[in-house]
C-alpha cells in the first residue's frame, strides 16, 4: 500500500511539474559505493559493519536543465536499483528495488550550452532480496525501506544543435534503512546506515 501511495504521489508531482515548468525527459545511470553499520533489533545484538555497492538506472526529468537566467532547477529520477551489502563475515545481502531521487539544484549557465549546479537531494527507496549464502540450510530474506539526504553537484552539457543534453552528477548521501529480516520462523528488524558516494550520468531530450 505504501508503494502504491508513493507512486501516485510521484505521478502527481510529475503532472504538476510538467504542466508548470519547461521540462526535459530522459534516462539516467547511477553507480556508487558506501559503508556503514547495521544491527538486528533484538536483545544483546551488536552492531556490525556493512559495505555497499549499488547500480541504478531509470527515468529522469528536469526543469530548466540549460535555461539562461534561471537559478533553480528540479530533477526527479525514478528507477530500479541493485544494491549489495556485505557484512563482516563475507555474507552479502543482494537487494533490488525502486528508488525515487529528488535533486534541488541551484546554479547557472557558464555558456549557452553549459550549466553548473549544486544542491541537496532527498531519496526514498524500497528494497527486497536475500543473502547470497545459506545459513543452516536457508537464506535470510529482507524487505525494507530507505531514506537518504545528500549533497550533489554537476554539469549539464547541450549536445549539437538540437535539444539533447548530457547530465553529469557526483555526490554523497547519508542513507538510513529499516526492514524485516526472515529466516525460517525467525523474524526480526534489521536497521542500519550507510554513507554513499556516487556518480550519475544521463541524457535529456
Protein backbone atom coordinates (compact mmCIF):
# COMPACT_ATOMS: atom_id res chain seq x y z
CA UNK A 1 0.00 0.00 0.00
CA UNK A 2 2.85 2.40 0.84
CA UNK A 3 4.44 1.75 -2.55
CA UNK A 4 1.17 2.47 -4.35
CA UNK A 5 0.68 5.75 -2.45
CA UNK A 6 4.23 6.85 -3.16
CA UNK A 7 3.91 6.03 -6.88
CA UNK A 8 0.68 8.06 -7.01
CA UNK A 9 2.43 10.97 -5.29
CA UNK A 10 5.30 10.78 -7.78
CA UNK A 11 2.86 10.72 -10.71
CA UNK A 12 1.05 13.72 -9.23
CA UNK A 13 4.33 15.60 -8.86
CA UNK A 14 5.27 14.65 -12.41
CA UNK A 15 1.98 16.05 -13.79
CA UNK A 16 2.33 19.24 -11.73
CA UNK A 17 5.93 19.85 -12.80
CA UNK A 18 5.32 19.03 -16.47
CA UNK A 19 2.38 21.43 -16.61
CA UNK A 20 4.05 24.24 -14.64
CA UNK A 21 7.62 24.38 -15.97
CA UNK A 22 9.67 23.77 -19.10
CA UNK A 23 10.66 20.13 -18.65
CA UNK A 24 13.05 17.77 -20.42
CA UNK A 25 12.78 13.97 -20.16
CA UNK A 26 15.30 11.17 -20.47
CA UNK A 27 17.15 8.41 -18.63
CA UNK A 28 19.98 8.02 -16.12
CA UNK A 29 22.61 5.55 -14.88
CA UNK A 30 23.79 5.62 -11.23
CA UNK A 31 26.87 3.93 -9.74
CA UNK A 32 28.34 4.10 -6.25
CA UNK A 33 29.56 2.50 -3.05
CA UNK A 34 29.36 3.13 0.66
CA UNK A 35 29.99 1.87 4.16
CA UNK A 36 28.15 1.92 7.46
CA UNK A 37 26.79 -0.16 10.31
CA UNK A 38 23.76 -2.38 10.89
CA UNK A 39 22.18 -4.31 13.75
CA UNK A 40 19.24 -6.57 14.47
CA UNK A 41 16.61 -5.20 16.85
CA UNK A 42 16.98 -7.97 19.42
CA UNK A 43 18.46 -8.23 22.91
CA UNK A 44 22.28 -8.37 23.09
CA UNK A 45 22.61 -7.67 19.38
CA UNK A 46 25.86 -5.94 18.42
CA UNK A 47 26.43 -3.59 15.52
CA UNK A 48 28.41 -4.91 12.57
CA UNK A 49 29.97 -3.24 9.54
CA UNK A 50 28.24 -3.25 6.16
CA UNK A 51 29.90 -2.28 2.87
CA UNK A 52 27.66 -1.46 -0.06
CA UNK A 53 27.91 -1.33 -3.84
CA UNK A 54 25.00 -0.24 -5.98
CA UNK A 55 23.94 0.36 -9.56
CA UNK A 56 20.75 2.02 -10.77
CA UNK A 57 19.02 3.04 -13.96
CA UNK A 58 15.71 4.58 -14.86
CA UNK A 59 13.76 7.62 -15.98
CA UNK A 60 14.57 11.25 -15.22
CA UNK A 61 13.01 14.64 -15.79
CA UNK A 62 14.49 18.06 -15.16
CA UNK A 63 13.20 21.61 -15.22
CA UNK A 64 15.45 24.28 -16.72
CA UNK A 65 18.38 21.95 -17.49
CA UNK A 66 20.04 24.63 -19.62
CA UNK A 67 17.92 27.75 -19.37
CA UNK A 68 19.63 31.17 -19.30
CA UNK A 69 18.90 33.40 -16.29
CA UNK A 70 17.28 30.53 -14.33
CA UNK A 71 18.93 29.84 -10.96
CA UNK A 72 16.80 26.92 -9.74
CA UNK A 73 16.12 23.58 -11.39
CA UNK A 74 14.45 20.41 -10.12
CA UNK A 75 15.38 16.85 -11.16
CA UNK A 76 13.35 13.73 -10.45
CA UNK A 77 14.91 10.31 -11.02
CA UNK A 78 12.75 7.20 -10.66
CA UNK A 79 14.13 3.76 -11.39
CA UNK A 80 15.48 0.40 -10.33
CA UNK A 81 18.48 -0.04 -8.06
CA UNK A 82 20.53 -3.16 -7.39
CA UNK A 83 22.38 -2.97 -4.06
CA UNK A 84 24.73 -5.49 -2.47
CA UNK A 85 25.54 -5.12 1.24
CA UNK A 86 28.39 -7.28 2.61
CA UNK A 87 28.82 -7.84 6.36
CA UNK A 88 31.91 -8.64 8.46
CA UNK A 89 31.54 -12.37 7.76
CA UNK A 90 31.58 -12.10 3.97
CA UNK A 91 27.84 -12.67 3.53
CA UNK A 92 26.19 -10.34 1.03
CA UNK A 93 22.57 -9.21 1.17
CA UNK A 94 21.60 -8.92 -2.51
CA UNK A 95 18.79 -6.38 -2.84
CA UNK A 96 16.79 -4.85 -5.66
CA UNK A 97 14.07 -2.25 -5.60
CA UNK A 98 12.57 1.06 -6.58
CA UNK A 99 14.19 4.42 -5.78
CA UNK A 100 12.88 7.96 -6.13
CA UNK A 101 15.58 10.63 -6.02
CA UNK A 102 14.79 14.36 -5.85
CA UNK A 103 17.50 16.93 -6.57
CA UNK A 104 17.01 20.65 -5.85
CA UNK A 105 19.72 22.36 -7.87
CA UNK A 106 20.97 25.94 -7.78
CA UNK A 107 23.36 27.26 -10.38
CA UNK A 108 23.66 28.99 -13.69
CA UNK A 109 24.91 28.86 -17.23
CA UNK A 110 28.60 29.36 -17.90
CA UNK A 111 27.88 29.35 -21.63
CA UNK A 112 24.92 28.91 -23.95
CA UNK A 113 25.16 25.12 -23.69
CA UNK A 114 26.74 24.53 -20.26
CA UNK A 115 25.18 24.78 -16.80
CA UNK A 116 26.96 24.20 -13.47
CA UNK A 117 24.89 23.48 -10.38
CA UNK A 118 24.84 22.14 -6.81
CA UNK A 119 22.22 21.38 -4.21
CA UNK A 120 20.55 18.94 -1.81
CA UNK A 121 19.00 15.56 -2.57
CA UNK A 122 16.21 13.54 -0.95
CA UNK A 123 15.96 9.83 -1.81
CA UNK A 124 13.33 7.25 -0.86
CA UNK A 125 13.80 3.57 -1.67
CA UNK A 126 12.00 0.23 -1.34
CA UNK A 127 14.18 -2.90 -1.36
CA UNK A 128 13.81 -6.65 -1.10
CA UNK A 129 16.15 -9.60 -1.53
CA UNK A 130 18.09 -12.30 0.27
CA UNK A 131 21.61 -13.35 1.23
CA UNK A 132 23.91 -14.96 -1.30
CA UNK A 133 24.80 -17.77 1.13
CA UNK A 134 22.63 -20.11 3.16
CA UNK A 135 22.78 -20.14 6.95
CA UNK A 136 21.99 -23.59 8.32
CA UNK A 137 20.06 -24.55 5.20
CA UNK A 138 18.22 -21.37 4.29
CA UNK A 139 18.89 -17.79 3.10
CA UNK A 140 17.99 -14.74 5.16
CA UNK A 141 15.41 -12.67 3.26
CA UNK A 142 14.87 -8.94 3.71
CA UNK A 143 12.17 -6.41 2.82
CA UNK A 144 12.51 -2.77 3.85
CA UNK A 145 12.61 0.92 3.09
CA UNK A 146 15.37 3.52 2.96
CA UNK A 147 15.61 7.29 3.28
CA UNK A 148 18.61 9.41 2.37
CA UNK A 149 19.72 13.04 2.45
CA UNK A 150 22.61 14.16 0.30
CA UNK A 151 24.53 16.89 -1.46
CA UNK A 152 25.32 16.76 -5.15
CA UNK A 153 26.88 18.84 -7.84
CA UNK A 154 27.30 18.53 -11.56
CA UNK A 155 27.13 19.95 -15.03
CA UNK A 156 24.68 19.78 -17.91
CA UNK A 157 26.01 19.99 -21.47
CA UNK A 158 23.98 20.70 -24.57
CA UNK A 159 24.98 18.44 -27.47
CA UNK A 160 24.87 19.56 -31.07
CA UNK A 161 22.23 21.89 -32.40
CA UNK A 162 19.23 20.02 -31.01
CA UNK A 163 17.71 19.60 -27.55
CA UNK A 164 19.84 16.64 -26.45
CA UNK A 165 21.53 17.27 -23.08
CA UNK A 166 24.17 15.22 -21.24
CA UNK A 167 23.78 15.32 -17.43
CA UNK A 168 26.68 14.52 -15.08
CA UNK A 169 26.49 14.33 -11.29
CA UNK A 170 28.73 13.45 -8.34
CA UNK A 171 27.69 13.49 -4.71
CA UNK A 172 27.43 11.95 -1.26
CA UNK A 173 24.35 10.66 0.57
CA UNK A 174 23.66 9.62 4.15
CA UNK A 175 21.24 6.69 3.94
CA UNK A 176 19.24 5.01 6.72
CA UNK A 177 17.30 1.77 6.19
CA UNK A 178 15.00 -0.46 8.19
CA UNK A 179 13.07 -3.62 7.38
CA UNK A 180 12.11 -7.18 8.23
CA UNK A 181 14.71 -9.96 8.10
CA UNK A 182 13.31 -13.50 7.96
CA UNK A 183 14.97 -16.89 8.37
CA UNK A 184 12.72 -19.95 8.81
CA UNK A 185 10.27 -18.89 11.58
CA UNK A 186 12.62 -16.16 12.84
CA UNK A 187 11.59 -12.58 12.02
CA UNK A 188 13.40 -9.51 13.32
CA UNK A 189 14.00 -5.90 12.32
CA UNK A 190 17.29 -5.07 10.60
CA UNK A 191 18.32 -1.42 10.83
CA UNK A 192 21.38 0.31 9.50
CA UNK A 193 23.02 3.27 7.83
CA UNK A 194 25.44 3.91 5.02
CA UNK A 195 27.42 6.87 3.74
CA UNK A 196 27.34 6.54 -0.05
CA UNK A 197 29.47 8.21 -2.69
CA UNK A 198 28.04 8.10 -6.20
CA UNK A 199 28.31 9.29 -9.77
CA UNK A 200 25.44 9.59 -12.23
CA UNK A 201 25.23 10.24 -15.95
CA UNK A 202 22.14 10.68 -18.06
CA UNK A 203 20.53 12.09 -21.17
CA UNK A 204 17.66 14.51 -21.64
CA UNK A 205 15.75 15.11 -24.86
